[in-house]
Amino acid sequence: MTKSKETISIEWRNYKSKAILNGVLVLGGYLLILMAFTMGKVSYITGLRQISIVFAVLLGGHILKEKHKSIRLIAASIIFLGAFLISTAV
């Protein structure tokens, strides 16, 4: 779906501060991951980074009332279990 320039400019005026804050937070999170790569084992970091999927599933199911909540919760549980196993590996 294509948006007109007017629609985009209205959205920018209404949500400019939120868009900028979001950009800064995403950049900050990415920089933290890059720093973690230099300090720890990459396999642990990449596995644990996927925990954000678990939070997204929980928020989507409860707050946004997304469909197929049980399937998403099972998949998120498997991801969490994998991340837990990675974090406890010796």
Protein backbone atom coordinates (compact mmCIF):
# COMPACT_ATOMS: atom_id res chain seq x y z
CA MET A 1 0.00 0.00 0.00
CA THR A 2 1.51 3.32 -1.08
CA LYS A 3 1.22 6.36 1.14
CA SER A 4 1.06 9.91 -0.13
CA LYS A 5 3.66 12.49 0.86
CA GLU A 6 1.00 14.28 2.88
CA THR A 7 0.19 11.16 4.90
CA ILE A 8 3.87 10.55 5.59
CA SER A 9 4.47 14.15 6.66
CA ILE A 10 1.47 14.02 9.01
CA GLU A 11 2.79 10.82 10.59
CA TRP A 12 6.26 12.35 10.93
CA ARG A 13 4.84 15.46 12.62
CA ASN A 14 2.77 13.39 15.03
CA TYR A 15 5.37 10.75 15.90
CA LYS A 16 8.75 12.38 15.22
CA SER A 17 10.02 12.16 18.80
CA LYS A 18 8.91 8.54 19.16
CA ALA A 19 10.52 7.60 15.85
CA ILE A 20 13.81 9.22 16.83
CA LEU A 21 13.75 7.60 20.27
CA ASN A 22 13.05 4.22 18.68
CA GLY A 23 15.98 4.69 16.30
CA VAL A 24 18.33 5.59 19.14
CA LEU A 25 17.20 2.61 21.25
CA VAL A 26 17.59 0.16 18.34
CA LEU A 27 21.06 1.51 17.59
CA GLY A 28 21.99 1.29 21.28
CA GLY A 29 20.78 -2.30 21.48
CA TYR A 30 22.74 -3.23 18.38
CA LEU A 31 25.89 -1.61 19.77
CA LEU A 32 25.46 -3.58 23.01
CA ILE A 33 25.26 -6.81 21.01
CA LEU A 34 28.42 -5.91 19.10
CA MET A 35 30.21 -5.21 22.37
CA ALA A 36 28.98 -8.52 23.77
CA PHE A 37 30.39 -10.32 20.71
CA THR A 38 33.85 -9.00 21.61
CA MET A 39 33.55 -10.14 25.23
CA GLY A 40 31.80 -13.50 25.13
CA LYS A 41 31.21 -16.62 23.11
CA VAL A 42 29.29 -15.82 19.95
CA SER A 43 27.20 -18.99 20.13
CA TYR A 44 25.95 -18.05 23.60
CA ILE A 45 25.19 -14.47 22.66
CA THR A 46 23.30 -15.27 19.47
CA GLY A 47 21.23 -17.93 21.25
CA LEU A 48 20.33 -15.70 24.16
CA ARG A 49 19.58 -12.80 21.86
CA GLN A 50 16.56 -14.73 20.61
CA ILE A 51 14.90 -14.33 24.00
CA SER A 52 13.34 -11.15 22.59
CA ILE A 53 11.11 -13.46 20.52
CA VAL A 54 9.70 -14.89 23.74
CA PHE A 55 8.83 -11.41 25.02
CA ALA A 56 7.27 -10.46 21.69
CA VAL A 57 5.08 -13.57 21.74
CA LEU A 58 3.94 -12.91 25.29
CA LEU A 59 3.16 -9.26 24.58
CA GLY A 60 1.45 -10.07 21.29
CA GLY A 61 -0.73 -12.73 22.85
CA HIS A 62 -1.81 -10.85 25.92
CA ILE A 63 -1.81 -7.20 24.94
CA LEU A 64 -2.55 -7.32 21.22
CA LYS A 65 -4.81 -10.40 21.42
CA GLU A 66 -3.11 -12.08 18.46
CA LYS A 67 -4.50 -15.36 17.14
CA HIS A 68 -2.91 -18.79 17.58
CA LYS A 69 -1.67 -17.88 21.03
CA SER A 70 -1.09 -21.48 22.13
CA ILE A 71 1.05 -22.39 19.11
CA ARG A 72 3.11 -19.22 19.53
CA LEU A 73 3.53 -19.92 23.24
CA ILE A 74 4.75 -23.47 22.56
CA ALA A 75 7.27 -22.18 19.98
CA ALA A 76 8.43 -19.46 22.37
CA SER A 77 8.85 -22.05 25.12
CA ILE A 78 11.08 -24.13 22.85
CA ILE A 79 13.18 -21.05 22.09
CA PHE A 80 13.42 -20.26 25.81
CA LEU A 81 14.41 -23.85 26.58
CA GLY A 82 17.14 -23.70 23.94
CA ALA A 83 18.45 -20.41 25.31
CA PHE A 84 18.39 -21.83 28.83
CA LEU A 85 20.33 -24.91 27.73
CA ILE A 86 22.88 -22.74 25.96
CA SER A 87 23.33 -20.55 29.04
CA THR A 88 23.89 -23.55 31.30
CA ALA A 89 26.32 -25.31 28.93
CA VAL A 90 29.81 -25.77 30.23
